[in-house]
Amino acid sequence: MDTSKKKRWLKNPKDIFFGWWLTLAGGVLCLWAFAYFAYGFSALLKPLSKELGFSRAATSVAASLARFEGGLDAPITGYLSDRHGPRIIMMVGIFLAGLALILMYYVNSLWSFYLIWSFVGSLGVNISLGMPLDVAITNWFVKKRGTAMSIRWLFSGLSGVIGLPVVAWLIVTFGWRTACLIGGLVMWIVGLPLVYFFIRSRRPEYYGLFPDGAIIETENEEDAIQAGID
């Protein structure tokens, strides 16, 4: 690759690269969803098991089943993300995650709890905020891919610092059923529009952009992509 072409690989000073908005939207989704399905499970455990008469051990099994289910659907999710793009997969996942939280309002038996939390909820989170989100982010970055992924995981970690206290406050204030209902509605009302408007299934070249928000003075798209890799 000619050195002069590399030097013309410049950051666009006028606009914020859309890939950063995509990353931020994915981070916000992780912050809220993991506040329930990862960190929030510990806050739900005691009031849920007490009201429904489940033992702590039986209630804890739901978390193990959720992790097991996540391992099973990962290969299928990866294949579908490659074939259809991450956005449609994430839309389905966010819908299922929100649906699971809403259905938690009506849980009254151990089997329904396992079905809703460990299958529907886990499936929703895994196919929205697992492989498809990683694919969506990596599609838009080359040189700054590590930075973008670190932002995504920063929000995931902040879920335990910011999201969990919110979930705990909702449980204490309104009860665990209403807390789950609110969480599901937020997933739908906020999460679905975030995916629709900010997640893209195609690479930036399809939209007339280049990875990392760069511009290059060449009409050869292969040279432009290679410049970002080199």
C-alpha atoms as a PDB file:
ATOM      1  CA  MET A   1       0.000   0.000   0.000  1.00  0.00           C
ATOM      2  CA  ASP A   2       1.422   3.396  -1.010  1.00  0.00           C
ATOM      3  CA  THR A   3       2.494   5.505   2.006  1.00  0.00           C
ATOM      4  CA  SER A   4       0.873   8.633   0.584  1.00  0.00           C
ATOM      5  CA  LYS A   5      -2.509   6.911   0.585  1.00  0.00           C
ATOM      6  CA  LYS A   6      -2.058   5.978   4.222  1.00  0.00           C
ATOM      7  CA  LYS A   7      -1.441   9.611   5.106  1.00  0.00           C
ATOM      8  CA  ARG A   8      -4.696  10.586   3.445  1.00  0.00           C
ATOM      9  CA  TRP A   9      -6.571   8.264   5.801  1.00  0.00           C
ATOM     10  CA  LEU A  10      -7.946  11.079   7.946  1.00  0.00           C
ATOM     11  CA  LYS A  11     -10.517  11.546  10.635  1.00  0.00           C
ATOM     12  CA  ASN A  12     -13.558  13.479   9.481  1.00  0.00           C
ATOM     13  CA  PRO A  13     -13.492  16.632  11.662  1.00  0.00           C
ATOM     14  CA  LYS A  14     -17.082  17.712  10.968  1.00  0.00           C
ATOM     15  CA  ASP A  15     -19.249  14.868  12.238  1.00  0.00           C
ATOM     16  CA  ILE A  16     -19.256  12.245  14.951  1.00  0.00           C
ATOM     17  CA  PHE A  17     -18.761   8.921  13.214  1.00  0.00           C
ATOM     18  CA  PHE A  18     -21.966   6.883  13.263  1.00  0.00           C
ATOM     19  CA  GLY A  19     -20.069   3.877  14.567  1.00  0.00           C
ATOM     20  CA  TRP A  20     -19.645   5.653  17.904  1.00  0.00           C
ATOM     21  CA  TRP A  21     -23.407   6.176  18.160  1.00  0.00           C
ATOM     22  CA  LEU A  22     -23.871   2.478  17.393  1.00  0.00           C
ATOM     23  CA  THR A  23     -21.411   1.588  20.152  1.00  0.00           C
ATOM     24  CA  LEU A  24     -23.060   3.952  22.634  1.00  0.00           C
ATOM     25  CA  ALA A  25     -26.524   2.548  21.882  1.00  0.00           C
ATOM     26  CA  GLY A  26     -25.244  -0.990  22.391  1.00  0.00           C
ATOM     27  CA  GLY A  27     -23.637   0.053  25.666  1.00  0.00           C
ATOM     28  CA  VAL A  28     -26.874   1.559  26.983  1.00  0.00           C
ATOM     29  CA  LEU A  29     -28.735  -1.631  26.091  1.00  0.00           C
ATOM     30  CA  CYS A  30     -26.135  -3.686  27.974  1.00  0.00           C
ATOM     31  CA  LEU A  31     -26.325  -1.407  31.000  1.00  0.00           C
ATOM     32  CA  TRP A  32     -30.073  -1.867  31.387  1.00  0.00           C
ATOM     33  CA  ALA A  33     -30.433  -5.514  30.368  1.00  0.00           C
ATOM     34  CA  PHE A  34     -27.532  -6.795  32.479  1.00  0.00           C
ATOM     35  CA  ALA A  35     -28.863  -4.845  35.455  1.00  0.00           C
ATOM     36  CA  TYR A  36     -31.696  -7.393  35.466  1.00  0.00           C
ATOM     37  CA  PHE A  37     -30.434 -10.572  33.869  1.00  0.00           C
ATOM     38  CA  ALA A  38     -26.893 -10.569  35.284  1.00  0.00           C
ATOM     39  CA  TYR A  39     -26.428  -8.419  38.371  1.00  0.00           C
ATOM     40  CA  GLY A  40     -30.100  -7.997  39.227  1.00  0.00           C
ATOM     41  CA  PHE A  41     -30.744 -11.679  39.797  1.00  0.00           C
ATOM     42  CA  SER A  42     -29.176 -11.422  43.243  1.00  0.00           C
ATOM     43  CA  ALA A  43     -31.615  -8.628  44.154  1.00  0.00           C
ATOM     44  CA  LEU A  44     -34.599 -10.607  42.869  1.00  0.00           C
ATOM     45  CA  LEU A  45     -33.613 -13.869  44.543  1.00  0.00           C
ATOM     46  CA  LYS A  46     -34.749 -13.189  48.103  1.00  0.00           C
ATOM     47  CA  PRO A  47     -38.135 -11.474  47.527  1.00  0.00           C
ATOM     48  CA  LEU A  48     -39.080 -13.852  44.718  1.00  0.00           C
ATOM     49  CA  SER A  49     -38.255 -17.041  46.626  1.00  0.00           C
ATOM     50  CA  LYS A  50     -39.942 -15.721  49.767  1.00  0.00           C
ATOM     51  CA  GLU A  51     -43.223 -14.780  48.070  1.00  0.00           C
ATOM     52  CA  LEU A  52     -43.523 -17.909  45.949  1.00  0.00           C
ATOM     53  CA  GLY A  53     -42.191 -20.320  48.544  1.00  0.00           C
ATOM     54  CA  PHE A  54     -39.206 -21.505  46.503  1.00  0.00           C
ATOM     55  CA  SER A  55     -36.032 -22.628  48.215  1.00  0.00           C
ATOM     56  CA  ARG A  56     -32.929 -20.544  47.537  1.00  0.00           C
ATOM     57  CA  ALA A  57     -31.357 -23.528  45.806  1.00  0.00           C
ATOM     58  CA  ALA A  58     -34.323 -24.039  43.472  1.00  0.00           C
ATOM     59  CA  THR A  59     -34.417 -20.337  42.624  1.00  0.00           C
ATOM     60  CA  SER A  60     -30.676 -20.245  41.950  1.00  0.00           C
ATOM     61  CA  VAL A  61     -31.007 -23.047  39.394  1.00  0.00           C
ATOM     62  CA  ALA A  62     -32.555 -20.502  37.020  1.00  0.00           C
ATOM     63  CA  ALA A  63     -29.216 -18.707  36.683  1.00  0.00           C
ATOM     64  CA  SER A  64     -27.413 -21.955  35.842  1.00  0.00           C
ATOM     65  CA  LEU A  65     -30.030 -22.887  33.259  1.00  0.00           C
ATOM     66  CA  ALA A  66     -29.703 -19.449  31.687  1.00  0.00           C
ATOM     67  CA  ARG A  67     -25.945 -19.869  31.246  1.00  0.00           C
ATOM     68  CA  PHE A  68     -26.406 -23.347  29.815  1.00  0.00           C
ATOM     69  CA  GLU A  69     -28.985 -22.076  27.344  1.00  0.00           C
ATOM     70  CA  GLY A  70     -26.617 -19.278  26.305  1.00  0.00           C
ATOM     71  CA  GLY A  71     -23.968 -21.790  25.310  1.00  0.00           C
ATOM     72  CA  LEU A  72     -26.417 -23.745  23.178  1.00  0.00           C
ATOM     73  CA  ASP A  73     -27.742 -20.841  21.125  1.00  0.00           C
ATOM     74  CA  ALA A  74     -24.365 -19.123  20.481  1.00  0.00           C
ATOM     75  CA  PRO A  75     -23.482 -21.011  17.236  1.00  0.00           C
ATOM     76  CA  ILE A  76     -26.956 -20.437  15.776  1.00  0.00           C
ATOM     77  CA  THR A  77     -26.884 -16.769  16.735  1.00  0.00           C
ATOM     78  CA  GLY A  78     -23.509 -16.309  15.071  1.00  0.00           C
ATOM     79  CA  TYR A  79     -24.718 -17.964  11.870  1.00  0.00           C
ATOM     80  CA  LEU A  80     -27.891 -15.856  11.729  1.00  0.00           C
ATOM     81  CA  SER A  81     -25.923 -12.659  12.376  1.00  0.00           C
ATOM     82  CA  ASP A  82     -23.661 -13.415   9.421  1.00  0.00           C
ATOM     83  CA  ARG A  83     -26.551 -14.355   7.162  1.00  0.00           C
ATOM     84  CA  HIS A  84     -29.146 -11.685   8.012  1.00  0.00           C
ATOM     85  CA  GLY A  85     -27.116  -9.021   9.775  1.00  0.00           C
ATOM     86  CA  PRO A  86     -27.146  -8.164  13.481  1.00  0.00           C
ATOM     87  CA  ARG A  87     -29.965  -5.617  13.549  1.00  0.00           C
ATOM     88  CA  ILE A  88     -32.932  -7.932  12.936  1.00  0.00           C
ATOM     89  CA  ILE A  89     -31.467 -10.506  15.357  1.00  0.00           C
ATOM     90  CA  MET A  90     -31.036  -7.834  18.017  1.00  0.00           C
ATOM     91  CA  MET A  91     -34.589  -6.569  17.500  1.00  0.00           C
ATOM     92  CA  VAL A  92     -35.933 -10.054  18.160  1.00  0.00           C
ATOM     93  CA  GLY A  93     -33.645 -10.452  21.170  1.00  0.00           C
ATOM     94  CA  ILE A  94     -34.616  -7.156  22.797  1.00  0.00           C
ATOM     95  CA  PHE A  95     -38.287  -7.978  22.240  1.00  0.00           C
ATOM     96  CA  LEU A  96     -37.867 -11.375  23.942  1.00  0.00           C
ATOM     97  CA  ALA A  97     -35.875  -9.917  26.844  1.00  0.00           C
ATOM     98  CA  GLY A  98     -38.559  -7.286  27.431  1.00  0.00           C
ATOM     99  CA  LEU A  99     -41.292  -9.899  27.091  1.00  0.00           C
ATOM    100  CA  ALA A 100     -39.604 -12.113  29.686  1.00  0.00           C
ATOM    101  CA  LEU A 101     -39.455  -9.280  32.230  1.00  0.00           C
ATOM    102  CA  ILE A 102     -43.102  -8.416  31.620  1.00  0.00           C
ATOM    103  CA  LEU A 103     -44.147 -12.054  31.972  1.00  0.00           C
ATOM    104  CA  MET A 104     -42.271 -12.230  35.282  1.00  0.00           C
ATOM    105  CA  TYR A 105     -45.117 -10.129  36.669  1.00  0.00           C
ATOM    106  CA  TYR A 106     -47.383 -13.172  36.280  1.00  0.00           C
ATOM    107  CA  VAL A 107     -45.020 -15.903  37.525  1.00  0.00           C
ATOM    108  CA  ASN A 108     -46.632 -18.132  40.154  1.00  0.00           C
ATOM    109  CA  SER A 109     -44.838 -21.471  39.838  1.00  0.00           C
ATOM    110  CA  LEU A 110     -41.298 -22.785  39.643  1.00  0.00           C
ATOM    111  CA  TRP A 111     -41.666 -24.190  36.133  1.00  0.00           C
ATOM    112  CA  SER A 112     -43.017 -20.875  34.782  1.00  0.00           C
ATOM    113  CA  PHE A 113     -40.119 -19.048  36.435  1.00  0.00           C
ATOM    114  CA  TYR A 114     -37.597 -21.382  34.799  1.00  0.00           C
ATOM    115  CA  LEU A 115     -39.316 -21.085  31.418  1.00  0.00           C
ATOM    116  CA  ILE A 116     -39.566 -17.305  31.447  1.00  0.00           C
ATOM    117  CA  TRP A 117     -36.265 -16.380  33.083  1.00  0.00           C
ATOM    118  CA  SER A 118     -33.956 -19.170  31.966  1.00  0.00           C
ATOM    119  CA  PHE A 119     -35.276 -19.668  28.442  1.00  0.00           C
ATOM    120  CA  VAL A 120     -37.137 -16.620  27.105  1.00  0.00           C
ATOM    121  CA  GLY A 121     -35.110 -14.008  28.982  1.00  0.00           C
ATOM    122  CA  SER A 122     -31.756 -15.684  28.508  1.00  0.00           C
ATOM    123  CA  LEU A 123     -32.411 -16.272  24.829  1.00  0.00           C
ATOM    124  CA  GLY A 124     -33.377 -12.622  24.378  1.00  0.00           C
ATOM    125  CA  VAL A 125     -30.259 -11.270  26.051  1.00  0.00           C
ATOM    126  CA  ASN A 126     -27.910 -13.689  24.304  1.00  0.00           C
ATOM    127  CA  ILE A 127     -29.202 -13.030  20.795  1.00  0.00           C
ATOM    128  CA  SER A 128     -29.305  -9.276  21.273  1.00  0.00           C
ATOM    129  CA  LEU A 129     -26.315  -8.332  23.413  1.00  0.00           C
ATOM    130  CA  GLY A 130     -23.950 -11.204  22.720  1.00  0.00           C
ATOM    131  CA  MET A 131     -22.550 -12.131  19.330  1.00  0.00           C
ATOM    132  CA  PRO A 132     -24.804  -9.842  17.202  1.00  0.00           C
ATOM    133  CA  LEU A 133     -23.772  -6.686  19.070  1.00  0.00           C
ATOM    134  CA  ASP A 134     -20.104  -7.626  18.764  1.00  0.00           C
ATOM    135  CA  VAL A 135     -20.585  -8.191  15.028  1.00  0.00           C
ATOM    136  CA  ALA A 136     -22.339  -4.831  14.618  1.00  0.00           C
ATOM    137  CA  ILE A 137     -19.484  -2.983  16.355  1.00  0.00           C
ATOM    138  CA  THR A 138     -16.607  -4.786  14.661  1.00  0.00           C
ATOM    139  CA  ASN A 139     -18.199  -4.162  11.255  1.00  0.00           C
ATOM    140  CA  TRP A 140     -17.740  -0.412  11.752  1.00  0.00           C
ATOM    141  CA  PHE A 141     -14.220  -0.269  13.141  1.00  0.00           C
ATOM    142  CA  VAL A 142     -10.781  -1.413  12.079  1.00  0.00           C
ATOM    143  CA  LYS A 143      -8.057   0.674  13.730  1.00  0.00           C
ATOM    144  CA  LYS A 144     -10.282   1.684  16.642  1.00  0.00           C
ATOM    145  CA  ARG A 145     -12.002  -1.652  17.111  1.00  0.00           C
ATOM    146  CA  GLY A 146     -10.375  -2.244  20.500  1.00  0.00           C
ATOM    147  CA  THR A 147     -11.512   1.148  21.770  1.00  0.00           C
ATOM    148  CA  ALA A 148     -15.073   0.574  20.574  1.00  0.00           C
ATOM    149  CA  MET A 149     -15.272  -2.856  22.171  1.00  0.00           C
ATOM    150  CA  SER A 150     -13.863  -1.534  25.432  1.00  0.00           C
ATOM    151  CA  ILE A 151     -16.634   1.083  25.548  1.00  0.00           C
ATOM    152  CA  ARG A 152     -19.211  -1.651  25.030  1.00  0.00           C
ATOM    153  CA  TRP A 153     -17.770  -3.655  27.936  1.00  0.00           C
ATOM    154  CA  LEU A 154     -17.389  -0.536  30.078  1.00  0.00           C
ATOM    155  CA  PHE A 155     -21.157  -0.063  29.952  1.00  0.00           C
ATOM    156  CA  SER A 156     -21.649  -3.741  30.711  1.00  0.00           C
ATOM    157  CA  GLY A 157     -19.530  -3.339  33.844  1.00  0.00           C
ATOM    158  CA  LEU A 158     -21.257  -0.117  34.840  1.00  0.00           C
ATOM    159  CA  SER A 159     -24.490  -2.070  34.862  1.00  0.00           C
ATOM    160  CA  GLY A 160     -23.491  -3.465  38.238  1.00  0.00           C
ATOM    161  CA  VAL A 161     -22.610  -0.005  39.554  1.00  0.00           C
ATOM    162  CA  ILE A 162     -25.494   2.021  38.106  1.00  0.00           C
ATOM    163  CA  GLY A 163     -28.149  -0.403  36.913  1.00  0.00           C
ATOM    164  CA  LEU A 164     -28.239  -2.731  39.913  1.00  0.00           C
ATOM    165  CA  PRO A 165     -28.983   0.031  42.466  1.00  0.00           C
ATOM    166  CA  VAL A 166     -31.849   1.206  40.241  1.00  0.00           C
ATOM    167  CA  VAL A 167     -33.282  -2.313  40.052  1.00  0.00           C
ATOM    168  CA  ALA A 168     -32.868  -2.770  43.812  1.00  0.00           C
ATOM    169  CA  TRP A 169     -34.644   0.545  44.459  1.00  0.00           C
ATOM    170  CA  LEU A 170     -37.513  -0.480  42.186  1.00  0.00           C
ATOM    171  CA  ILE A 171     -37.860  -3.789  44.021  1.00  0.00           C
ATOM    172  CA  VAL A 172     -37.878  -2.136  47.451  1.00  0.00           C
ATOM    173  CA  THR A 173     -40.266   0.621  46.346  1.00  0.00           C
ATOM    174  CA  PHE A 174     -42.739  -1.238  44.124  1.00  0.00           C
ATOM    175  CA  GLY A 175     -42.080  -4.937  44.669  1.00  0.00           C
ATOM    176  CA  TRP A 176     -40.240  -7.399  42.460  1.00  0.00           C
ATOM    177  CA  ARG A 177     -43.155  -7.987  40.084  1.00  0.00           C
ATOM    178  CA  THR A 178     -43.619  -4.320  39.247  1.00  0.00           C
ATOM    179  CA  ALA A 179     -39.845  -3.842  39.062  1.00  0.00           C
ATOM    180  CA  CYS A 180     -39.687  -6.544  36.378  1.00  0.00           C
ATOM    181  CA  LEU A 181     -42.674  -5.050  34.568  1.00  0.00           C
ATOM    182  CA  ILE A 182     -40.998  -1.634  34.468  1.00  0.00           C
ATOM    183  CA  GLY A 183     -37.771  -3.218  33.254  1.00  0.00           C
ATOM    184  CA  GLY A 184     -39.562  -4.973  30.402  1.00  0.00           C
ATOM    185  CA  LEU A 185     -41.421  -1.857  29.311  1.00  0.00           C
ATOM    186  CA  VAL A 186     -38.165   0.114  29.254  1.00  0.00           C
ATOM    187  CA  MET A 187     -36.608  -2.625  27.122  1.00  0.00           C
ATOM    188  CA  TRP A 188     -39.422  -2.199  24.617  1.00  0.00           C
ATOM    189  CA  ILE A 189     -39.950   1.569  24.732  1.00  0.00           C
ATOM    190  CA  VAL A 190     -36.271   2.530  24.809  1.00  0.00           C
ATOM    191  CA  GLY A 191     -34.412  -0.581  23.667  1.00  0.00           C
ATOM    192  CA  LEU A 192     -36.273  -1.346  20.447  1.00  0.00           C
ATOM    193  CA  PRO A 193     -35.930   2.225  19.048  1.00  0.00           C
ATOM    194  CA  LEU A 194     -32.222   2.225  19.958  1.00  0.00           C
ATOM    195  CA  VAL A 195     -31.694  -0.922  17.914  1.00  0.00           C
ATOM    196  CA  TYR A 196     -33.838   0.289  15.017  1.00  0.00           C
ATOM    197  CA  PHE A 197     -32.188   3.701  14.669  1.00  0.00           C
ATOM    198  CA  PHE A 198     -28.589   3.014  15.695  1.00  0.00           C
ATOM    199  CA  ILE A 199     -27.711  -0.596  14.871  1.00  0.00           C
ATOM    200  CA  ARG A 200     -26.793  -1.305  11.269  1.00  0.00           C
ATOM    201  CA  SER A 201     -26.589  -4.704   9.596  1.00  0.00           C
ATOM    202  CA  ARG A 202     -24.180  -3.654   6.867  1.00  0.00           C
ATOM    203  CA  ARG A 203     -20.647  -2.329   6.942  1.00  0.00           C
ATOM    204  CA  PRO A 204     -20.057   1.451   6.688  1.00  0.00           C
ATOM    205  CA  GLU A 205     -18.980   1.195   3.038  1.00  0.00           C
ATOM    206  CA  TYR A 206     -22.580   0.368   2.142  1.00  0.00           C
ATOM    207  CA  TYR A 207     -23.635   3.790   3.462  1.00  0.00           C
ATOM    208  CA  GLY A 208     -20.853   5.688   1.751  1.00  0.00           C
ATOM    209  CA  LEU A 209     -18.591   5.757   4.831  1.00  0.00           C
ATOM    210  CA  PHE A 210     -15.322   4.130   5.785  1.00  0.00           C
ATOM    211  CA  PRO A 211     -14.345   2.286   8.988  1.00  0.00           C
ATOM    212  CA  ASP A 212     -13.374   4.447  11.979  1.00  0.00           C
ATOM    213  CA  GLY A 213     -15.063   7.506  10.429  1.00  0.00           C
ATOM    214  CA  ALA A 214     -12.187   8.102   8.056  1.00  0.00           C
ATOM    215  CA  ILE A 215     -12.102   9.700   4.635  1.00  0.00           C
ATOM    216  CA  ILE A 216      -9.642   8.821   1.910  1.00  0.00           C
ATOM    217  CA  GLU A 217      -8.840  10.427  -1.393  1.00  0.00           C
ATOM    218  CA  THR A 218      -9.181   7.338  -3.560  1.00  0.00           C
ATOM    219  CA  GLU A 219     -11.974   5.902  -5.639  1.00  0.00           C
ATOM    220  CA  ASN A 220     -10.782   2.362  -5.028  1.00  0.00           C
ATOM    221  CA  GLU A 221     -12.813   0.918  -2.145  1.00  0.00           C
ATOM    222  CA  GLU A 222     -10.374  -1.974  -1.656  1.00  0.00           C
ATOM    223  CA  ASP A 223      -7.525   0.489  -1.164  1.00  0.00           C
ATOM    224  CA  ALA A 224      -9.605   2.399   1.378  1.00  0.00           C
ATOM    225  CA  ILE A 225     -10.355  -0.692   3.427  1.00  0.00           C
ATOM    226  CA  GLN A 226      -6.746  -1.886   3.198  1.00  0.00           C
ATOM    227  CA  ALA A 227      -5.538   1.514   4.389  1.00  0.00           C
ATOM    228  CA  GLY A 228      -7.445   1.044   7.590  1.00  0.00           C
ATOM    229  CA  ILE A 229      -5.986  -2.420   8.122  1.00  0.00           C
ATOM    230  CA  ASP A 230      -2.347  -1.502   7.397  1.00  0.00           C
END
